[in-house]
Amino acid sequence: AEQIQSIVEDTIAKLKNEVILDGKTLNQHIAEQEKESEESEVNGLKRFLF
């Protein structure tokens, strides 16, 4: 079962680097969304504090 899990994870990791949407890989899209959500959290904190 653990072997299957690691094979699945490896396959997903490969796909995230290979699948391209709008000229970017899925990893790039994920990184951008994480960055945006971090920025909005920071902005929310700034609004709350100041």
PDB file of N, CA and C in Angstrom:
ATOM      1  N   ALA A   1       0.836  -1.213   0.000  1.00  0.00           N
ATOM      2  CA  ALA A   1       0.000   0.000   0.000  1.00  0.00           C
ATOM      3  C   ALA A   1       0.863   1.252   0.000  1.00  0.00           C
ATOM      4  N   GLU A   2       1.956   1.232   0.795  1.00  0.00           N
ATOM      5  CA  GLU A   2       2.836   2.404   0.837  1.00  0.00           C
ATOM      6  C   GLU A   2       3.518   2.623  -0.508  1.00  0.00           C
ATOM      7  N   GLN A   3       3.852   1.513  -1.185  1.00  0.00           N
ATOM      8  CA  GLN A   3       4.477   1.630  -2.505  1.00  0.00           C
ATOM      9  C   GLN A   3       3.539   2.333  -3.473  1.00  0.00           C
ATOM     10  N   ILE A   4       2.287   1.920  -3.447  1.00  0.00           N
ATOM     11  CA  ILE A   4       1.293   2.531  -4.342  1.00  0.00           C
ATOM     12  C   ILE A   4       1.184   4.020  -4.034  1.00  0.00           C
ATOM     13  N   GLN A   5       1.134   4.357  -2.755  1.00  0.00           N
ATOM     14  CA  GLN A   5       1.046   5.761  -2.341  1.00  0.00           C
ATOM     15  C   GLN A   5       2.208   6.561  -2.919  1.00  0.00           C
ATOM     16  N   SER A   6       3.428   6.030  -2.819  1.00  0.00           N
ATOM     17  CA  SER A   6       4.576   6.802  -3.307  1.00  0.00           C
ATOM     18  C   SER A   6       4.570   6.892  -4.827  1.00  0.00           C
ATOM     19  N   ILE A   7       4.098   5.841  -5.500  1.00  0.00           N
ATOM     20  CA  ILE A   7       3.999   5.885  -6.964  1.00  0.00           C
ATOM     21  C   ILE A   7       2.991   6.959  -7.372  1.00  0.00           C
ATOM     22  N   VAL A   8       1.859   6.990  -6.686  1.00  0.00           N
ATOM     23  CA  VAL A   8       0.826   7.988  -6.984  1.00  0.00           C
ATOM     24  C   VAL A   8       1.384   9.387  -6.761  1.00  0.00           C
ATOM     25  N   GLU A   9       2.076   9.600  -5.643  1.00  0.00           N
ATOM     26  CA  GLU A   9       2.634  10.919  -5.341  1.00  0.00           C
ATOM     27  C   GLU A   9       3.671  11.334  -6.376  1.00  0.00           C
ATOM     28  N   ASP A  10       4.525  10.391  -6.786  1.00  0.00           N
ATOM     29  CA  ASP A  10       5.529  10.693  -7.815  1.00  0.00           C
ATOM     30  C   ASP A  10       4.851  11.087  -9.120  1.00  0.00           C
ATOM     31  N   THR A  11       3.805  10.341  -9.484  1.00  0.00           N
ATOM     32  CA  THR A  11       3.094  10.614 -10.733  1.00  0.00           C
ATOM     33  C   THR A  11       2.451  11.990 -10.700  1.00  0.00           C
ATOM     34  N   ILE A  12       1.830  12.319  -9.571  1.00  0.00           N
ATOM     35  CA  ILE A  12       1.199  13.634  -9.428  1.00  0.00           C
ATOM     36  C   ILE A  12       2.255  14.725  -9.533  1.00  0.00           C
ATOM     37  N   ALA A  13       3.400  14.537  -8.877  1.00  0.00           N
ATOM     38  CA  ALA A  13       4.475  15.535  -8.925  1.00  0.00           C
ATOM     39  C   ALA A  13       4.943  15.741 -10.363  1.00  0.00           C
ATOM     40  N   LYS A  14       5.091  14.638 -11.107  1.00  0.00           N
ATOM     41  CA  LYS A  14       5.504  14.750 -12.513  1.00  0.00           C
ATOM     42  C   LYS A  14       4.455  15.490 -13.331  1.00  0.00           C
ATOM     43  N   LEU A  15       3.190  15.138 -13.124  1.00  0.00           N
ATOM     44  CA  LEU A  15       2.114  15.778 -13.882  1.00  0.00           C
ATOM     45  C   LEU A  15       2.064  17.268 -13.601  1.00  0.00           C
ATOM     46  N   LYS A  16       2.277  17.654 -12.335  1.00  0.00           N
ATOM     47  CA  LYS A  16       2.212  19.071 -11.995  1.00  0.00           C
ATOM     48  C   LYS A  16       3.284  19.860 -12.734  1.00  0.00           C
ATOM     49  N   ASN A  17       4.405  19.202 -13.069  1.00  0.00           N
ATOM     50  CA  ASN A  17       5.454  19.881 -13.822  1.00  0.00           C
ATOM     51  C   ASN A  17       5.226  19.798 -15.326  1.00  0.00           C
ATOM     52  N   GLU A  18       4.433  18.827 -15.762  1.00  0.00           N
ATOM     53  CA  GLU A  18       4.259  18.607 -17.193  1.00  0.00           C
ATOM     54  C   GLU A  18       2.991  19.251 -17.744  1.00  0.00           C
ATOM     55  N   VAL A  19       1.929  19.263 -16.954  1.00  0.00           N
ATOM     56  CA  VAL A  19       0.659  19.808 -17.426  1.00  0.00           C
ATOM     57  C   VAL A  19       0.787  21.323 -17.501  1.00  0.00           C
ATOM     58  N   ILE A  20       0.444  21.880 -18.648  1.00  0.00           N
ATOM     59  CA  ILE A  20       0.587  23.322 -18.844  1.00  0.00           C
ATOM     60  C   ILE A  20      -0.758  23.960 -19.136  1.00  0.00           C
ATOM     61  N   LEU A  21      -1.085  24.986 -18.348  1.00  0.00           N
ATOM     62  CA  LEU A  21      -2.305  25.775 -18.530  1.00  0.00           C
ATOM     63  C   LEU A  21      -1.882  27.215 -18.717  1.00  0.00           C
ATOM     64  N   ASP A  22      -2.407  27.857 -19.735  1.00  0.00           N
ATOM     65  CA  ASP A  22      -2.084  29.275 -19.974  1.00  0.00           C
ATOM     66  C   ASP A  22      -0.571  29.508 -19.997  1.00  0.00           C
ATOM     67  N   GLY A  23       0.164  28.568 -20.541  1.00  0.00           N
ATOM     68  CA  GLY A  23       1.616  28.741 -20.659  1.00  0.00           C
ATOM     69  C   GLY A  23       2.385  28.512 -19.366  1.00  0.00           C
ATOM     70  N   LYS A  24       1.701  28.043 -18.311  1.00  0.00           N
ATOM     71  CA  LYS A  24       2.382  27.789 -17.040  1.00  0.00           C
ATOM     72  C   LYS A  24       2.077  26.373 -16.577  1.00  0.00           C
ATOM     73  N   THR A  25       3.020  25.792 -15.851  1.00  0.00           N
ATOM     74  CA  THR A  25       2.764  24.468 -15.284  1.00  0.00           C
ATOM     75  C   THR A  25       1.811  24.611 -14.100  1.00  0.00           C
ATOM     76  N   LEU A  26       1.222  23.491 -13.695  1.00  0.00           N
ATOM     77  CA  LEU A  26       0.326  23.512 -12.540  1.00  0.00           C
ATOM     78  C   LEU A  26       1.075  23.996 -11.299  1.00  0.00           C
ATOM     79  N   ASN A  27       2.351  23.604 -11.160  1.00  0.00           N
ATOM     80  CA  ASN A  27       3.126  24.049 -10.004  1.00  0.00           C
ATOM     81  C   ASN A  27       3.220  25.569  -9.959  1.00  0.00           C
ATOM     82  N   GLN A  28       3.407  26.200 -11.119  1.00  0.00           N
ATOM     83  CA  GLN A  28       3.500  27.659 -11.157  1.00  0.00           C
ATOM     84  C   GLN A  28       2.161  28.288 -10.757  1.00  0.00           C
ATOM     85  N   HIS A  29       1.056  27.712 -11.249  1.00  0.00           N
ATOM     86  CA  HIS A  29      -0.263  28.224 -10.881  1.00  0.00           C
ATOM     87  C   HIS A  29      -0.491  28.090  -9.377  1.00  0.00           C
ATOM     88  N   ILE A  30      -0.108  26.925  -8.825  1.00  0.00           N
ATOM     89  CA  ILE A  30      -0.296  26.691  -7.390  1.00  0.00           C
ATOM     90  C   ILE A  30       0.535  27.691  -6.586  1.00  0.00           C
ATOM     91  N   ALA A  31       1.781  27.903  -6.989  1.00  0.00           N
ATOM     92  CA  ALA A  31       2.660  28.832  -6.280  1.00  0.00           C
ATOM     93  C   ALA A  31       2.083  30.249  -6.313  1.00  0.00           C
ATOM     94  N   GLU A  32       1.553  30.644  -7.464  1.00  0.00           N
ATOM     95  CA  GLU A  32       0.967  31.987  -7.583  1.00  0.00           C
ATOM     96  C   GLU A  32      -0.242  32.135  -6.666  1.00  0.00           C
ATOM     97  N   GLN A  33      -1.088  31.110  -6.629  1.00  0.00           N
ATOM     98  CA  GLN A  33      -2.280  31.199  -5.785  1.00  0.00           C
ATOM     99  C   GLN A  33      -1.897  31.248  -4.313  1.00  0.00           C
ATOM    100  N   GLU A  34      -0.872  30.469  -3.918  1.00  0.00           N
ATOM    101  CA  GLU A  34      -0.432  30.500  -2.527  1.00  0.00           C
ATOM    102  C   GLU A  34       0.114  31.879  -2.187  1.00  0.00           C
ATOM    103  N   LYS A  35       0.876  32.464  -3.118  1.00  0.00           N
ATOM    104  CA  LYS A  35       1.448  33.791  -2.896  1.00  0.00           C
ATOM    105  C   LYS A  35       0.326  34.817  -2.745  1.00  0.00           C
ATOM    106  N   GLU A  36      -0.671  34.741  -3.622  1.00  0.00           N
ATOM    107  CA  GLU A  36      -1.788  35.683  -3.565  1.00  0.00           C
ATOM    108  C   GLU A  36      -2.545  35.560  -2.245  1.00  0.00           C
ATOM    109  N   SER A  37      -2.768  34.326  -1.798  1.00  0.00           N
ATOM    110  CA  SER A  37      -3.526  34.171  -0.549  1.00  0.00           C
ATOM    111  C   SER A  37      -2.700  34.674   0.636  1.00  0.00           C
ATOM    112  N   GLU A  38      -1.374  34.492   0.587  1.00  0.00           N
ATOM    113  CA  GLU A  38      -0.519  35.030   1.647  1.00  0.00           C
ATOM    114  C   GLU A  38      -0.591  36.548   1.650  1.00  0.00           C
ATOM    115  N   GLU A  39      -0.528  37.151   0.462  1.00  0.00           N
ATOM    116  CA  GLU A  39      -0.576  38.608   0.367  1.00  0.00           C
ATOM    117  C   GLU A  39      -1.903  39.142   0.889  1.00  0.00           C
ATOM    118  N   SER A  40      -3.008  38.471   0.567  1.00  0.00           N
ATOM    119  CA  SER A  40      -4.302  38.958   1.036  1.00  0.00           C
ATOM    120  C   SER A  40      -4.411  38.802   2.553  1.00  0.00           C
ATOM    121  N   GLU A  41      -3.797  37.748   3.119  1.00  0.00           N
ATOM    122  CA  GLU A  41      -3.794  37.595   4.575  1.00  0.00           C
ATOM    123  C   GLU A  41      -3.012  38.736   5.221  1.00  0.00           C
ATOM    124  N   VAL A  42      -1.856  39.062   4.632  1.00  0.00           N
ATOM    125  CA  VAL A  42      -1.033  40.148   5.162  1.00  0.00           C
ATOM    126  C   VAL A  42      -1.794  41.468   5.086  1.00  0.00           C
ATOM    127  N   ASN A  43      -2.433  41.716   3.944  1.00  0.00           N
ATOM    128  CA  ASN A  43      -3.210  42.956   3.787  1.00  0.00           C
ATOM    129  C   ASN A  43      -4.359  43.012   4.789  1.00  0.00           C
ATOM    130  N   GLY A  44      -4.987  41.880   5.019  1.00  0.00           N
ATOM    131  CA  GLY A  44      -6.067  41.824   6.006  1.00  0.00           C
ATOM    132  C   GLY A  44      -5.546  42.162   7.395  1.00  0.00           C
ATOM    133  N   LEU A  45      -4.375  41.642   7.740  1.00  0.00           N
ATOM    134  CA  LEU A  45      -3.759  41.945   9.037  1.00  0.00           C
ATOM    135  C   LEU A  45      -3.429  43.420   9.147  1.00  0.00           C
ATOM    136  N   LYS A  46      -2.874  43.969   8.048  1.00  0.00           N
ATOM    137  CA  LYS A  46      -2.523  45.397   8.055  1.00  0.00           C
ATOM    138  C   LYS A  46      -3.764  46.242   8.312  1.00  0.00           C
ATOM    139  N   ARG A  47      -4.866  45.903   7.629  1.00  0.00           N
ATOM    140  CA  ARG A  47      -6.107  46.658   7.814  1.00  0.00           C
ATOM    141  C   ARG A  47      -6.585  46.546   9.256  1.00  0.00           C
ATOM    142  N   PHE A  48      -6.427  45.365   9.797  1.00  0.00           N
ATOM    143  CA  PHE A  48      -6.889  45.118  11.164  1.00  0.00           C
ATOM    144  C   PHE A  48      -6.041  45.910  12.168  1.00  0.00           C
ATOM    145  N   LEU A  49      -4.728  45.973  11.926  1.00  0.00           N
ATOM    146  CA  LEU A  49      -3.821  46.597  12.885  1.00  0.00           C
ATOM    147  C   LEU A  49      -3.765  48.106  12.764  1.00  0.00           C
ATOM    148  N   PHE A  50      -3.948  48.634  11.543  1.00  0.00           N
ATOM    149  CA  PHE A  50      -3.732  50.076  11.367  1.00  0.00           C
ATOM    150  C   PHE A  50      -5.026  50.810  11.060  1.00  0.00           C
TER     151      PHE A  50
END
